[in-house]
N, C-alpha and C. Protein backbone atom coordinates (compact mmCIF):
# COMPACT_ATOMS: atom_id res chain seq x y z
N UNK A 1 22.19 8.64 -1.05
CA UNK A 1 21.88 9.57 -2.24
C UNK A 1 21.45 8.92 -3.30
N UNK A 2 20.56 9.43 -4.25
CA UNK A 2 20.35 8.81 -5.41
C UNK A 2 21.23 9.26 -6.54
N UNK A 3 20.97 8.99 -7.95
CA UNK A 3 21.78 9.27 -8.90
C UNK A 3 21.99 10.65 -9.34
N UNK A 4 20.89 11.53 -8.81
CA UNK A 4 20.80 12.86 -8.94
C UNK A 4 21.66 13.74 -7.83
N UNK A 5 22.23 13.03 -6.97
CA UNK A 5 22.87 13.57 -5.80
C UNK A 5 22.08 14.03 -4.58
N UNK A 6 20.76 13.70 -4.63
CA UNK A 6 19.72 14.04 -3.48
C UNK A 6 19.51 12.85 -2.69
N UNK A 7 19.17 13.32 -1.30
CA UNK A 7 18.83 12.12 -0.43
C UNK A 7 17.53 11.67 -0.86
N UNK A 8 17.18 10.25 -0.84
CA UNK A 8 15.82 9.68 -1.13
C UNK A 8 14.83 10.37 -0.09
N UNK A 9 13.62 10.62 -0.48
CA UNK A 9 12.62 11.10 0.72
C UNK A 9 12.67 10.13 1.69
N UNK A 10 12.49 10.82 3.14
CA UNK A 10 12.22 9.70 4.23
C UNK A 10 10.94 9.16 4.04
N UNK A 11 10.78 8.11 4.81
CA UNK A 11 9.52 7.35 4.82
C UNK A 11 8.37 8.11 5.25
N UNK A 12 8.58 8.99 6.15
CA UNK A 12 7.51 9.79 6.87
C UNK A 12 7.19 11.01 5.94
N UNK A 13 7.97 11.54 5.12
CA UNK A 13 7.67 12.53 4.26
C UNK A 13 6.47 12.27 3.30
N UNK A 14 6.15 10.98 2.91
CA UNK A 14 5.05 10.66 1.87
C UNK A 14 3.74 10.50 2.79
N UNK A 15 3.83 10.79 4.06
CA UNK A 15 2.55 10.55 4.96
C UNK A 15 1.69 11.88 4.83
N UNK A 16 2.12 12.99 4.79
CA UNK A 16 1.25 14.29 4.61
C UNK A 16 0.93 14.61 6.13
N UNK A 17 -0.11 15.25 6.40
CA UNK A 17 -0.64 15.72 7.66
C UNK A 17 -0.51 14.62 8.79
N UNK A 18 -0.62 13.45 8.59
CA UNK A 18 -0.72 12.54 9.61
C UNK A 18 0.61 12.36 10.30
N UNK A 19 1.55 12.71 9.64
CA UNK A 19 3.18 12.77 10.24
C UNK A 19 3.10 13.75 11.52
N UNK A 20 2.34 14.79 11.54
CA UNK A 20 2.40 15.56 12.68
C UNK A 20 1.00 15.83 13.30
N UNK A 21 0.20 14.76 13.16
CA UNK A 21 -1.11 14.82 13.88
C UNK A 21 -1.16 14.05 15.33
N UNK A 22 -1.75 14.64 16.26
CA UNK A 22 -1.86 14.08 17.48
C UNK A 22 -2.54 12.75 17.51
N UNK A 23 -3.50 12.48 16.41
CA UNK A 23 -4.22 11.19 16.56
C UNK A 23 -3.59 9.96 15.75
N UNK A 24 -2.57 10.33 15.01
CA UNK A 24 -1.69 9.20 14.43
C UNK A 24 -0.87 8.17 15.37
N UNK A 25 -0.96 7.03 14.92
CA UNK A 25 -0.09 5.99 15.56
C UNK A 25 0.60 5.28 14.55
N UNK A 26 1.85 5.24 14.42
CA UNK A 26 2.75 4.55 13.70
C UNK A 26 2.80 2.99 14.02
N UNK A 27 2.29 2.14 12.97
CA UNK A 27 2.28 0.81 13.33
C UNK A 27 3.41 -0.05 12.46
N UNK A 28 4.36 -0.81 12.96
CA UNK A 28 5.29 -1.34 11.93
C UNK A 28 4.97 -2.92 12.38
N UNK A 29 5.00 -3.69 11.22
CA UNK A 29 4.63 -5.01 11.20
C UNK A 29 5.88 -5.86 11.35
N UNK A 30 5.98 -7.15 11.79
CA UNK A 30 7.13 -7.88 11.84
C UNK A 30 7.96 -8.04 10.57
N UNK A 31 6.95 -7.97 9.47
CA UNK A 31 7.71 -7.98 8.08
C UNK A 31 8.36 -6.61 7.61
N UNK A 32 8.30 -5.79 8.46
CA UNK A 32 8.80 -4.37 7.90
C UNK A 32 8.06 -3.43 7.48
N UNK A 33 6.59 -3.77 7.28
CA UNK A 33 5.72 -2.67 6.62
C UNK A 33 5.47 -1.63 7.80
N UNK A 34 5.08 -0.47 7.20
CA UNK A 34 4.65 0.63 8.21
C UNK A 34 3.36 1.15 7.62
N UNK A 35 2.58 1.13 8.71
CA UNK A 35 1.02 1.71 8.58
C UNK A 35 0.94 2.79 9.40
N UNK A 36 -0.15 3.69 9.10
CA UNK A 36 -0.37 4.93 9.93
C UNK A 36 -1.85 4.87 10.33
N UNK A 37 -2.14 4.53 11.69
CA UNK A 37 -3.35 4.25 12.23
C UNK A 37 -3.91 5.60 12.55
N UNK A 38 -5.09 5.98 12.27
CA UNK A 38 -5.87 7.25 12.47
C UNK A 38 -6.79 6.87 13.83
N UNK A 39 -6.26 7.36 15.04
CA UNK A 39 -7.16 7.01 16.17
C UNK A 39 -8.37 7.64 16.25
N UNK A 40 -8.57 8.58 15.54
CA UNK A 40 -10.09 9.17 15.55
C UNK A 40 -10.93 8.28 14.96
N UNK A 41 -10.49 7.23 14.14
CA UNK A 41 -11.40 6.27 13.55
C UNK A 41 -12.03 5.44 14.64
N UNK A 42 -11.37 5.26 15.95
CA UNK A 42 -11.76 4.29 16.87
C UNK A 42 -13.30 4.98 17.42
N UNK A 43 -13.59 6.20 17.33
CA UNK A 43 -14.64 6.72 17.98
C UNK A 43 -15.54 7.46 16.71
N UNK A 44 -14.97 7.62 15.67
CA UNK A 44 -15.77 8.41 14.62
C UNK A 44 -15.73 7.48 13.34
N UNK A 45 -16.66 6.75 13.01
CA UNK A 45 -16.50 6.05 11.49
C UNK A 45 -16.22 6.92 10.26
N UNK A 46 -16.47 8.27 10.46
CA UNK A 46 -16.11 8.88 9.28
C UNK A 46 -14.66 9.02 8.83
N UNK A 47 -13.70 8.63 9.91
CA UNK A 47 -12.43 8.52 9.58
C UNK A 47 -11.91 7.27 9.22
N UNK A 48 -10.93 7.14 8.28
CA UNK A 48 -10.43 5.85 8.00
C UNK A 48 -9.42 5.22 8.90
N UNK A 49 -9.54 4.09 9.23
CA UNK A 49 -8.57 3.49 10.02
C UNK A 49 -7.08 3.59 9.79
N UNK A 50 -6.81 3.37 8.47
CA UNK A 50 -5.71 3.40 7.88
C UNK A 50 -5.94 4.31 6.38
N UNK A 51 -5.77 5.59 6.65
CA UNK A 51 -6.02 6.45 5.36
C UNK A 51 -4.99 6.47 4.37
N UNK A 52 -5.55 6.69 3.09
CA UNK A 52 -4.44 6.50 1.95
C UNK A 52 -3.65 7.71 2.21
N UNK A 53 -2.34 7.43 1.74
CA UNK A 53 -1.39 8.54 1.85
C UNK A 53 -1.03 9.21 0.55
N UNK A 54 -0.48 10.29 0.52
CA UNK A 54 -0.43 11.31 1.64
C UNK A 54 -1.75 11.88 1.83
N UNK A 55 -1.92 12.18 3.16
CA UNK A 55 -3.23 13.05 3.57
C UNK A 55 -2.71 14.39 3.40
N UNK A 56 -3.51 15.12 2.56
CA UNK A 56 -3.27 16.45 2.39
C UNK A 56 -4.34 17.44 3.00
N UNK A 57 -5.39 16.80 3.34
CA UNK A 57 -6.53 17.66 3.94
C UNK A 57 -7.26 16.74 4.86
N UNK A 58 -7.63 17.10 5.97
CA UNK A 58 -8.22 16.31 7.15
C UNK A 58 -9.00 17.18 8.01
N UNK A 59 -10.17 17.29 8.09
CA UNK A 59 -10.91 18.14 9.04
C UNK A 59 -10.65 17.83 10.52
N UNK A 60 -10.08 16.36 10.76
CA UNK A 60 -9.79 16.15 12.11
C UNK A 60 -8.42 16.32 12.61
N UNK A 61 -7.56 17.01 11.70
CA UNK A 61 -6.29 17.08 11.98
C UNK A 61 -5.98 18.08 13.16
N UNK A 62 -5.26 17.71 14.17
CA UNK A 62 -4.88 18.37 15.28
C UNK A 62 -3.21 18.30 15.60
N UNK A 63 -2.34 19.50 15.53
CA UNK A 63 -1.03 19.02 15.50
C UNK A 63 -0.73 18.47 16.97
N UNK A 64 0.32 17.45 16.79
CA UNK A 64 0.97 16.85 17.89
C UNK A 64 1.91 17.86 18.59
N UNK A 65 1.54 18.18 19.68
CA UNK A 65 2.52 19.16 20.47
C UNK A 65 4.09 18.50 20.50
N UNK A 66 4.23 17.31 20.48
CA UNK A 66 5.76 16.79 20.54
C UNK A 66 6.30 17.08 19.20
N UNK A 67 5.60 16.68 18.03
CA UNK A 67 6.14 16.90 16.59
C UNK A 67 6.23 18.36 16.37
N UNK A 68 5.28 19.08 17.09
CA UNK A 68 5.36 20.66 16.53
C UNK A 68 6.48 21.15 17.18
N UNK A 69 6.90 20.75 18.39
CA UNK A 69 8.06 21.31 19.19
C UNK A 69 9.33 20.84 18.49
N UNK A 70 9.35 19.68 18.09
CA UNK A 70 10.64 19.08 17.34
C UNK A 70 10.94 19.73 16.07
N UNK A 71 9.78 20.12 15.31
CA UNK A 71 9.99 20.94 14.06
C UNK A 71 10.35 22.23 14.26
N UNK A 72 9.90 22.86 15.50
CA UNK A 72 10.18 24.14 15.62
C UNK A 72 11.71 24.41 16.00
N UNK A 73 12.17 23.45 16.53
CA UNK A 73 13.69 23.66 17.20
C UNK A 73 14.64 23.49 15.84
N UNK A 74 14.16 22.88 14.63
CA UNK A 74 15.04 22.71 13.57
C UNK A 74 15.58 23.94 12.93
């Protein structure tokens, strides 16, 4: 908790749409850094390989069924 009595935002809460997109792959380095790889960039150069966060609008966004099911059960 912070000085205001609130829990700090989770790391994933600052990611935006990518957090629940089926094309996102979370990459963690040995130094502890976390990056979010857009796998759409592998076939379409219009997409950034590592987009700037938070992503609030993306024409290639597709909900990840696993993430959507997990959020629905909360």
